Amino acid sequence: MNAAVHDDLEAAAREELVQACDLGWRALAPCTPWGDTFEGFSPQGRPVCFERNYMWEDAAGGDIRVEVHVYEPRAFEAGVRLVETLPKDQS
């Protein structure tokens, strides 16, 4: 993957991660674990797949691990994956 494509996918992943974490721990806890994949467009207009996953970091009811993976269709392995943890004590 060239640098321009990687940068575009990373920008899309960062934007999606902010949105994925925006709900906060309290709103996400009742539906964790959960995941979804949907199609959309990167900041540069590239068709991409967005994958969001919410899972317990260590044990149910604790911190929530939020994973976002953005990739071009048919290029899952070449995507960008970002991870953030939502601490329970900051809910």
PDB file of N, CA and C in Angstrom:
ATOM      1  N   MET A   1       0.848  -1.169   0.000  1.00  0.00           N
ATOM      2  CA  MET A   1       0.000   0.000   0.000  1.00  0.00           C
ATOM      3  C   MET A   1       0.892   1.231   0.000  1.00  0.00           C
ATOM      4  N   ASN A   2       0.572   2.189  -0.851  1.00  0.00           N
ATOM      5  CA  ASN A   2       1.403   3.384  -0.888  1.00  0.00           C
ATOM      6  C   ASN A   2       1.045   4.316   0.274  1.00  0.00           C
ATOM      7  N   ALA A   3       1.907   5.285   0.530  1.00  0.00           N
ATOM      8  CA  ALA A   3       1.762   6.178   1.686  1.00  0.00           C
ATOM      9  C   ALA A   3       0.484   7.001   1.623  1.00  0.00           C
ATOM     10  N   ALA A   4       0.077   7.445   0.453  1.00  0.00           N
ATOM     11  CA  ALA A   4      -1.136   8.259   0.328  1.00  0.00           C
ATOM     12  C   ALA A   4      -2.377   7.452   0.709  1.00  0.00           C
ATOM     13  N   VAL A   5      -2.433   6.207   0.276  1.00  0.00           N
ATOM     14  CA  VAL A   5      -3.565   5.342   0.627  1.00  0.00           C
ATOM     15  C   VAL A   5      -3.566   5.080   2.129  1.00  0.00           C
ATOM     16  N   HIS A   6      -2.406   4.750   2.686  1.00  0.00           N
ATOM     17  CA  HIS A   6      -2.305   4.499   4.127  1.00  0.00           C
ATOM     18  C   HIS A   6      -2.752   5.720   4.925  1.00  0.00           C
ATOM     19  N   ASP A   7      -2.287   6.896   4.541  1.00  0.00           N
ATOM     20  CA  ASP A   7      -2.659   8.131   5.248  1.00  0.00           C
ATOM     21  C   ASP A   7      -4.165   8.372   5.174  1.00  0.00           C
ATOM     22  N   ASP A   8      -4.760   8.091   4.034  1.00  0.00           N
ATOM     23  CA  ASP A   8      -6.197   8.269   3.864  1.00  0.00           C
ATOM     24  C   ASP A   8      -6.966   7.292   4.752  1.00  0.00           C
ATOM     25  N   LEU A   9      -6.554   6.030   4.762  1.00  0.00           N
ATOM     26  CA  LEU A   9      -7.211   5.029   5.607  1.00  0.00           C
ATOM     27  C   LEU A   9      -7.032   5.366   7.088  1.00  0.00           C
ATOM     28  N   GLU A  10      -5.857   5.844   7.456  1.00  0.00           N
ATOM     29  CA  GLU A  10      -5.606   6.210   8.851  1.00  0.00           C
ATOM     30  C   GLU A  10      -6.478   7.393   9.267  1.00  0.00           C
ATOM     31  N   ALA A  11      -6.634   8.370   8.394  1.00  0.00           N
ATOM     32  CA  ALA A  11      -7.497   9.518   8.708  1.00  0.00           C
ATOM     33  C   ALA A  11      -8.943   9.063   8.901  1.00  0.00           C
ATOM     34  N   ALA A  12      -9.395   8.156   8.050  1.00  0.00           N
ATOM     35  CA  ALA A  12     -10.755   7.621   8.188  1.00  0.00           C
ATOM     36  C   ALA A  12     -10.894   6.844   9.500  1.00  0.00           C
ATOM     37  N   ALA A  13      -9.883   6.061   9.843  1.00  0.00           N
ATOM     38  CA  ALA A  13      -9.921   5.271  11.077  1.00  0.00           C
ATOM     39  C   ALA A  13      -9.910   6.175  12.310  1.00  0.00           C
ATOM     40  N   ARG A  14      -9.114   7.222  12.298  1.00  0.00           N
ATOM     41  CA  ARG A  14      -9.078   8.156  13.436  1.00  0.00           C
ATOM     42  C   ARG A  14     -10.430   8.846  13.635  1.00  0.00           C
ATOM     43  N   GLU A  15     -11.023   9.285  12.541  1.00  0.00           N
ATOM     44  CA  GLU A  15     -12.331   9.925  12.619  1.00  0.00           C
ATOM     45  C   GLU A  15     -13.382   8.950  13.160  1.00  0.00           C
ATOM     46  N   GLU A  16     -13.352   7.726  12.674  1.00  0.00           N
ATOM     47  CA  GLU A  16     -14.314   6.723  13.118  1.00  0.00           C
ATOM     48  C   GLU A  16     -14.091   6.349  14.584  1.00  0.00           C
ATOM     49  N   LEU A  17     -12.831   6.296  15.016  1.00  0.00           N
ATOM     50  CA  LEU A  17     -12.539   5.960  16.410  1.00  0.00           C
ATOM     51  C   LEU A  17     -13.081   7.033  17.351  1.00  0.00           C
ATOM     52  N   VAL A  18     -12.935   8.282  16.981  1.00  0.00           N
ATOM     53  CA  VAL A  18     -13.488   9.377  17.800  1.00  0.00           C
ATOM     54  C   VAL A  18     -14.996   9.195  17.936  1.00  0.00           C
ATOM     55  N   GLN A  19     -15.667   8.914  16.821  1.00  0.00           N
ATOM     56  CA  GLN A  19     -17.111   8.712  16.864  1.00  0.00           C
ATOM     57  C   GLN A  19     -17.481   7.468  17.661  1.00  0.00           C
ATOM     58  N   ALA A  20     -16.687   6.414  17.521  1.00  0.00           N
ATOM     59  CA  ALA A  20     -16.969   5.171  18.228  1.00  0.00           C
ATOM     60  C   ALA A  20     -16.858   5.337  19.742  1.00  0.00           C
ATOM     61  N   CYS A  21     -15.953   6.186  20.179  1.00  0.00           N
ATOM     62  CA  CYS A  21     -15.739   6.396  21.616  1.00  0.00           C
ATOM     63  C   CYS A  21     -16.624   7.499  22.183  1.00  0.00           C
ATOM     64  N   ASP A  22     -17.237   8.280  21.321  1.00  0.00           N
ATOM     65  CA  ASP A  22     -17.993   9.452  21.747  1.00  0.00           C
ATOM     66  C   ASP A  22     -19.176   9.122  22.651  1.00  0.00           C
ATOM     67  N   LEU A  23     -19.760   7.965  22.501  1.00  0.00           N
ATOM     68  CA  LEU A  23     -20.900   7.590  23.337  1.00  0.00           C
ATOM     69  C   LEU A  23     -20.513   7.417  24.800  1.00  0.00           C
ATOM     70  N   GLY A  24     -19.289   7.005  25.047  1.00  0.00           N
ATOM     71  CA  GLY A  24     -18.818   6.821  26.410  1.00  0.00           C
ATOM     72  C   GLY A  24     -19.165   5.451  26.978  1.00  0.00           C
ATOM     73  N   TRP A  25     -18.544   5.153  28.107  1.00  0.00           N
ATOM     74  CA  TRP A  25     -18.649   3.838  28.729  1.00  0.00           C
ATOM     75  C   TRP A  25     -20.092   3.491  29.105  1.00  0.00           C
ATOM     76  N   ARG A  26     -20.795   4.406  29.749  1.00  0.00           N
ATOM     77  CA  ARG A  26     -22.170   4.119  30.217  1.00  0.00           C
ATOM     78  C   ARG A  26     -23.102   3.703  29.094  1.00  0.00           C
ATOM     79  N   ALA A  27     -23.041   4.380  27.984  1.00  0.00           N
ATOM     80  CA  ALA A  27     -23.921   4.057  26.866  1.00  0.00           C
ATOM     81  C   ALA A  27     -23.509   2.762  26.167  1.00  0.00           C
ATOM     82  N   LEU A  28     -22.207   2.462  26.160  1.00  0.00           N
ATOM     83  CA  LEU A  28     -21.714   1.281  25.444  1.00  0.00           C
ATOM     84  C   LEU A  28     -21.771   0.003  26.269  1.00  0.00           C
ATOM     85  N   ALA A  29     -21.687   0.101  27.583  1.00  0.00           N
ATOM     86  CA  ALA A  29     -21.634  -1.090  28.435  1.00  0.00           C
ATOM     87  C   ALA A  29     -22.804  -2.056  28.206  1.00  0.00           C
ATOM     88  N   PRO A  30     -24.053  -1.579  28.091  1.00  0.00           N
ATOM     89  CA  PRO A  30     -25.158  -2.525  27.904  1.00  0.00           C
ATOM     90  C   PRO A  30     -25.112  -3.315  26.596  1.00  0.00           C
ATOM     91  N   CYS A  31     -24.424  -2.802  25.585  1.00  0.00           N
ATOM     92  CA  CYS A  31     -24.393  -3.514  24.296  1.00  0.00           C
ATOM     93  C   CYS A  31     -23.031  -4.150  24.002  1.00  0.00           C
ATOM     94  N   THR A  32     -22.140  -4.155  24.985  1.00  0.00           N
ATOM     95  CA  THR A  32     -20.826  -4.785  24.811  1.00  0.00           C
ATOM     96  C   THR A  32     -20.927  -6.239  25.242  1.00  0.00           C
ATOM     97  N   PRO A  33     -20.413  -7.201  24.506  1.00  0.00           N
ATOM     98  CA  PRO A  33     -19.639  -7.091  23.266  1.00  0.00           C
ATOM     99  C   PRO A  33     -20.555  -6.892  22.055  1.00  0.00           C
ATOM    100  N   TRP A  34     -20.015  -6.179  21.072  1.00  0.00           N
ATOM    101  CA  TRP A  34     -20.773  -5.879  19.859  1.00  0.00           C
ATOM    102  C   TRP A  34     -19.797  -5.499  18.760  1.00  0.00           C
ATOM    103  N   GLY A  35     -20.191  -5.739  17.539  1.00  0.00           N
ATOM    104  CA  GLY A  35     -19.372  -5.337  16.399  1.00  0.00           C
ATOM    105  C   GLY A  35     -20.234  -5.130  15.174  1.00  0.00           C
ATOM    106  N   ASP A  36     -19.718  -4.360  14.227  1.00  0.00           N
ATOM    107  CA  ASP A  36     -20.466  -4.062  13.022  1.00  0.00           C
ATOM    108  C   ASP A  36     -19.477  -3.691  11.917  1.00  0.00           C
ATOM    109  N   THR A  37     -19.852  -3.997  10.695  1.00  0.00           N
ATOM    110  CA  THR A  37     -19.064  -3.589   9.526  1.00  0.00           C
ATOM    111  C   THR A  37     -20.007  -2.915   8.543  1.00  0.00           C
ATOM    112  N   PHE A  38     -19.576  -1.792   8.002  1.00  0.00           N
ATOM    113  CA  PHE A  38     -20.394  -1.084   7.034  1.00  0.00           C
ATOM    114  C   PHE A  38     -19.493  -0.419   6.007  1.00  0.00           C
ATOM    115  N   GLU A  39     -20.071  -0.089   4.866  1.00  0.00           N
ATOM    116  CA  GLU A  39     -19.322   0.550   3.788  1.00  0.00           C
ATOM    117  C   GLU A  39     -19.518   2.056   3.826  1.00  0.00           C
ATOM    118  N   GLY A  40     -18.482   2.772   3.422  1.00  0.00           N
ATOM    119  CA  GLY A  40     -18.548   4.228   3.382  1.00  0.00           C
ATOM    120  C   GLY A  40     -17.413   4.755   2.526  1.00  0.00           C
ATOM    121  N   PHE A  41     -17.039   6.005   2.795  1.00  0.00           N
ATOM    122  CA  PHE A  41     -15.984   6.642   2.010  1.00  0.00           C
ATOM    123  C   PHE A  41     -14.953   7.272   2.933  1.00  0.00           C
ATOM    124  N   SER A  42     -13.703   7.216   2.516  1.00  0.00           N
ATOM    125  CA  SER A  42     -12.600   7.834   3.248  1.00  0.00           C
ATOM    126  C   SER A  42     -12.636   9.347   3.029  1.00  0.00           C
ATOM    127  N   PRO A  43     -11.818  10.098   3.768  1.00  0.00           N
ATOM    128  CA  PRO A  43     -11.766  11.547   3.547  1.00  0.00           C
ATOM    129  C   PRO A  43     -11.410  11.939   2.102  1.00  0.00           C
ATOM    130  N   GLN A  44     -10.670  11.079   1.411  1.00  0.00           N
ATOM    131  CA  GLN A  44     -10.303  11.358   0.020  1.00  0.00           C
ATOM    132  C   GLN A  44     -11.306  10.789  -0.987  1.00  0.00           C
ATOM    133  N   GLY A  45     -12.426  10.246  -0.486  1.00  0.00           N
ATOM    134  CA  GLY A  45     -13.466   9.723  -1.368  1.00  0.00           C
ATOM    135  C   GLY A  45     -13.275   8.288  -1.800  1.00  0.00           C
ATOM    136  N   ARG A  46     -12.331   7.583  -1.193  1.00  0.00           N
ATOM    137  CA  ARG A  46     -12.052   6.191  -1.522  1.00  0.00           C
ATOM    138  C   ARG A  46     -13.138   5.300  -0.892  1.00  0.00           C
ATOM    139  N   PRO A  47     -13.739   4.368  -1.641  1.00  0.00           N
ATOM    140  CA  PRO A  47     -14.693   3.441  -1.024  1.00  0.00           C
ATOM    141  C   PRO A  47     -13.954   2.520  -0.053  1.00  0.00           C
ATOM    142  N   VAL A  48     -14.458   2.431   1.177  1.00  0.00           N
ATOM    143  CA  VAL A  48     -13.809   1.627   2.207  1.00  0.00           C
ATOM    144  C   VAL A  48     -14.857   0.905   3.044  1.00  0.00           C
ATOM    145  N   CYS A  49     -14.382  -0.053   3.816  1.00  0.00           N
ATOM    146  CA  CYS A  49     -15.197  -0.746   4.811  1.00  0.00           C
ATOM    147  C   CYS A  49     -14.742  -0.282   6.186  1.00  0.00           C
ATOM    148  N   PHE A  50     -15.703   0.001   7.033  1.00  0.00           N
ATOM    149  CA  PHE A  50     -15.446   0.382   8.414  1.00  0.00           C
ATOM    150  C   PHE A  50     -15.898  -0.763   9.302  1.00  0.00           C
ATOM    151  N   GLU A  51     -15.022  -1.204  10.169  1.00  0.00           N
ATOM    152  CA  GLU A  51     -15.370  -2.256  11.122  1.00  0.00           C
ATOM    153  C   GLU A  51     -15.180  -1.688  12.526  1.00  0.00           C
ATOM    154  N   ARG A  52     -16.223  -1.772  13.339  1.00  0.00           N
ATOM    155  CA  ARG A  52     -16.172  -1.323  14.735  1.00  0.00           C
ATOM    156  C   ARG A  52     -16.416  -2.511  15.639  1.00  0.00           C
ATOM    157  N   ASN A  53     -15.632  -2.621  16.685  1.00  0.00           N
ATOM    158  CA  ASN A  53     -15.830  -3.675  17.681  1.00  0.00           C
ATOM    159  C   ASN A  53     -15.715  -3.094  19.078  1.00  0.00           C
ATOM    160  N   TYR A  54     -16.656  -3.460  19.916  1.00  0.00           N
ATOM    161  CA  TYR A  54     -16.635  -3.102  21.331  1.00  0.00           C
ATOM    162  C   TYR A  54     -16.546  -4.409  22.102  1.00  0.00           C
ATOM    163  N   MET A  55     -15.544  -4.538  22.959  1.00  0.00           N
ATOM    164  CA  MET A  55     -15.398  -5.762  23.752  1.00  0.00           C
ATOM    165  C   MET A  55     -14.825  -5.402  25.119  1.00  0.00           C
ATOM    166  N   TRP A  56     -15.019  -6.279  26.048  1.00  0.00           N
ATOM    167  CA  TRP A  56     -14.465  -6.059  27.387  1.00  0.00           C
ATOM    168  C   TRP A  56     -12.962  -6.231  27.324  1.00  0.00           C
ATOM    169  N   GLU A  57     -12.234  -5.314  27.947  1.00  0.00           N
ATOM    170  CA  GLU A  57     -10.766  -5.364  27.936  1.00  0.00           C
ATOM    171  C   GLU A  57     -10.254  -6.581  28.692  1.00  0.00           C
ATOM    172  N   ASP A  58     -10.703  -6.745  29.926  1.00  0.00           N
ATOM    173  CA  ASP A  58     -10.237  -7.888  30.729  1.00  0.00           C
ATOM    174  C   ASP A  58     -11.390  -8.765  31.196  1.00  0.00           C
ATOM    175  N   ALA A  59     -12.420  -8.144  31.764  1.00  0.00           N
ATOM    176  CA  ALA A  59     -13.547  -8.898  32.290  1.00  0.00           C
ATOM    177  C   ALA A  59     -14.828  -8.116  32.037  1.00  0.00           C
ATOM    178  N   ALA A  60     -15.925  -8.839  31.892  1.00  0.00           N
ATOM    179  CA  ALA A  60     -17.225  -8.195  31.678  1.00  0.00           C
ATOM    180  C   ALA A  60     -17.502  -7.188  32.785  1.00  0.00           C
ATOM    181  N   GLY A  61     -17.952  -6.013  32.376  1.00  0.00           N
ATOM    182  CA  GLY A  61     -18.252  -4.957  33.330  1.00  0.00           C
ATOM    183  C   GLY A  61     -17.094  -4.021  33.612  1.00  0.00           C
ATOM    184  N   GLY A  62     -15.930  -4.315  33.041  1.00  0.00           N
ATOM    185  CA  GLY A  62     -14.748  -3.473  33.255  1.00  0.00           C
ATOM    186  C   GLY A  62     -14.548  -2.488  32.112  1.00  0.00           C
ATOM    187  N   ASP A  63     -13.300  -2.185  31.827  1.00  0.00           N
ATOM    188  CA  ASP A  63     -12.968  -1.265  30.740  1.00  0.00           C
ATOM    189  C   ASP A  63     -13.432  -1.850  29.400  1.00  0.00           C
ATOM    190  N   ILE A  64     -13.780  -0.967  28.481  1.00  0.00           N
ATOM    191  CA  ILE A  64     -14.231  -1.394  27.159  1.00  0.00           C
ATOM    192  C   ILE A  64     -13.142  -1.086  26.134  1.00  0.00           C
ATOM    193  N   ARG A  65     -12.776  -2.103  25.375  1.00  0.00           N
ATOM    194  CA  ARG A  65     -11.801  -1.965  24.290  1.00  0.00           C
ATOM    195  C   ARG A  65     -12.579  -1.643  23.013  1.00  0.00           C
ATOM    196  N   VAL A  66     -12.229  -0.545  22.367  1.00  0.00           N
ATOM    197  CA  VAL A  66     -12.876  -0.126  21.127  1.00  0.00           C
ATOM    198  C   VAL A  66     -11.857  -0.285  20.007  1.00  0.00           C
ATOM    199  N   GLU A  67     -12.207  -1.082  19.011  1.00  0.00           N
ATOM    200  CA  GLU A  67     -11.334  -1.297  17.865  1.00  0.00           C
ATOM    201  C   GLU A  67     -12.029  -0.794  16.606  1.00  0.00           C
ATOM    202  N   VAL A  68     -11.289  -0.087  15.782  1.00  0.00           N
ATOM    203  CA  VAL A  68     -11.782   0.366  14.482  1.00  0.00           C
ATOM    204  C   VAL A  68     -10.787  -0.102  13.428  1.00  0.00           C
ATOM    205  N   HIS A  69     -11.311  -0.714  12.390  1.00  0.00           N
ATOM    206  CA  HIS A  69     -10.485  -1.193  11.287  1.00  0.00           C
ATOM    207  C   HIS A  69     -11.081  -0.631  10.006  1.00  0.00           C
ATOM    208  N   VAL A  70     -10.274   0.063   9.227  1.00  0.00           N
ATOM    209  CA  VAL A  70     -10.730   0.634   7.957  1.00  0.00           C
ATOM    210  C   VAL A  70      -9.864   0.034   6.852  1.00  0.00           C
ATOM    211  N   TYR A  71     -10.536  -0.477   5.817  1.00  0.00           N
ATOM    212  CA  TYR A  71      -9.803  -1.124   4.734  1.00  0.00           C
ATOM    213  C   TYR A  71     -10.580  -0.982   3.433  1.00  0.00           C
ATOM    214  N   GLU A  72      -9.845  -1.077   2.340  1.00  0.00           N
ATOM    215  CA  GLU A  72     -10.477  -1.082   1.026  1.00  0.00           C
ATOM    216  C   GLU A  72     -11.132  -2.442   0.810  1.00  0.00           C
ATOM    217  N   PRO A  73     -12.295  -2.475   0.136  1.00  0.00           N
ATOM    218  CA  PRO A  73     -12.905  -3.774  -0.150  1.00  0.00           C
ATOM    219  C   PRO A  73     -11.892  -4.711  -0.826  1.00  0.00           C
ATOM    220  N   ARG A  74     -11.910  -5.937  -0.428  1.00  0.00           N
ATOM    221  CA  ARG A  74     -10.999  -6.975  -0.929  1.00  0.00           C
ATOM    222  C   ARG A  74      -9.562  -6.786  -0.482  1.00  0.00           C
ATOM    223  N   ALA A  75      -9.313  -5.893   0.488  1.00  0.00           N
ATOM    224  CA  ALA A  75      -7.940  -5.680   0.973  1.00  0.00           C
ATOM    225  C   ALA A  75      -7.932  -5.595   2.496  1.00  0.00           C
ATOM    226  N   PHE A  76      -8.619  -6.520   3.150  1.00  0.00           N
ATOM    227  CA  PHE A  76      -8.757  -6.532   4.609  1.00  0.00           C
ATOM    228  C   PHE A  76      -7.409  -6.445   5.325  1.00  0.00           C
ATOM    229  N   GLU A  77      -6.450  -7.228   4.880  1.00  0.00           N
ATOM    230  CA  GLU A  77      -5.146  -7.287   5.540  1.00  0.00           C
ATOM    231  C   GLU A  77      -4.361  -5.984   5.418  1.00  0.00           C
ATOM    232  N   ALA A  78      -4.669  -5.176   4.423  1.00  0.00           N
ATOM    233  CA  ALA A  78      -3.912  -3.950   4.180  1.00  0.00           C
ATOM    234  C   ALA A  78      -4.564  -2.721   4.812  1.00  0.00           C
ATOM    235  N   GLY A  79      -5.505  -2.935   5.693  1.00  0.00           N
ATOM    236  CA  GLY A  79      -6.193  -1.810   6.307  1.00  0.00           C
ATOM    237  C   GLY A  79      -5.438  -1.224   7.488  1.00  0.00           C
ATOM    238  N   VAL A  80      -6.081  -0.261   8.137  1.00  0.00           N
ATOM    239  CA  VAL A  80      -5.526   0.399   9.320  1.00  0.00           C
ATOM    240  C   VAL A  80      -6.435   0.075  10.495  1.00  0.00           C
ATOM    241  N   ARG A  81      -5.838  -0.410  11.584  1.00  0.00           N
ATOM    242  CA  ARG A  81      -6.584  -0.750  12.799  1.00  0.00           C
ATOM    243  C   ARG A  81      -6.101   0.142  13.934  1.00  0.00           C
ATOM    244  N   LEU A  82      -7.052   0.797  14.600  1.00  0.00           N
ATOM    245  CA  LEU A  82      -6.753   1.635  15.763  1.00  0.00           C
ATOM    246  C   LEU A  82      -7.549   1.119  16.957  1.00  0.00           C
ATOM    247  N   VAL A  83      -6.983   1.287  18.145  1.00  0.00           N
ATOM    248  CA  VAL A  83      -7.604   0.772  19.368  1.00  0.00           C
ATOM    249  C   VAL A  83      -7.582   1.858  20.435  1.00  0.00           C
ATOM    250  N   GLU A  84      -8.665   1.930  21.185  1.00  0.00           N
ATOM    251  CA  GLU A  84      -8.774   2.852  22.318  1.00  0.00           C
ATOM    252  C   GLU A  84      -9.469   2.100  23.443  1.00  0.00           C
ATOM    253  N   THR A  85      -9.135   2.437  24.681  1.00  0.00           N
ATOM    254  CA  THR A  85      -9.791   1.822  25.829  1.00  0.00           C
ATOM    255  C   THR A  85     -10.598   2.878  26.562  1.00  0.00           C
ATOM    256  N   LEU A  86     -11.876   2.548  26.819  1.00  0.00           N
ATOM    257  CA  LEU A  86     -12.737   3.422  27.604  1.00  0.00           C
ATOM    258  C   LEU A  86     -12.750   2.891  29.035  1.00  0.00           C
ATOM    259  N   PRO A  87     -12.099   3.594  29.960  1.00  0.00           N
ATOM    260  CA  PRO A  87     -12.040   3.123  31.338  1.00  0.00           C
ATOM    261  C   PRO A  87     -13.398   3.246  32.030  1.00  0.00           C
ATOM    262  N   LYS A  88     -13.743   2.222  32.794  1.00  0.00           N
ATOM    263  CA  LYS A  88     -15.008   2.224  33.518  1.00  0.00           C
ATOM    264  C   LYS A  88     -15.053   3.383  34.519  1.00  0.00           C
ATOM    265  N   ASP A  89     -13.969   3.673  35.170  1.00  0.00           N
ATOM    266  CA  ASP A  89     -13.966   4.699  36.219  1.00  0.00           C
ATOM    267  C   ASP A  89     -14.073   6.116  35.683  1.00  0.00           C
ATOM    268  N   GLN A  90     -14.076   6.302  34.368  1.00  0.00           N
ATOM    269  CA  GLN A  90     -14.255   7.636  33.786  1.00  0.00           C
ATOM    270  C   GLN A  90     -15.582   7.736  33.060  1.00  0.00           C
ATOM    271  N   SER A  91     -16.539   6.902  33.454  1.00  0.00           N
ATOM    272  CA  SER A  91     -17.828   6.860  32.746  1.00  0.00           C
ATOM    273  C   SER A  91     -18.703   8.028  33.053  1.00  0.00           C
TER     274      SER A  91
END
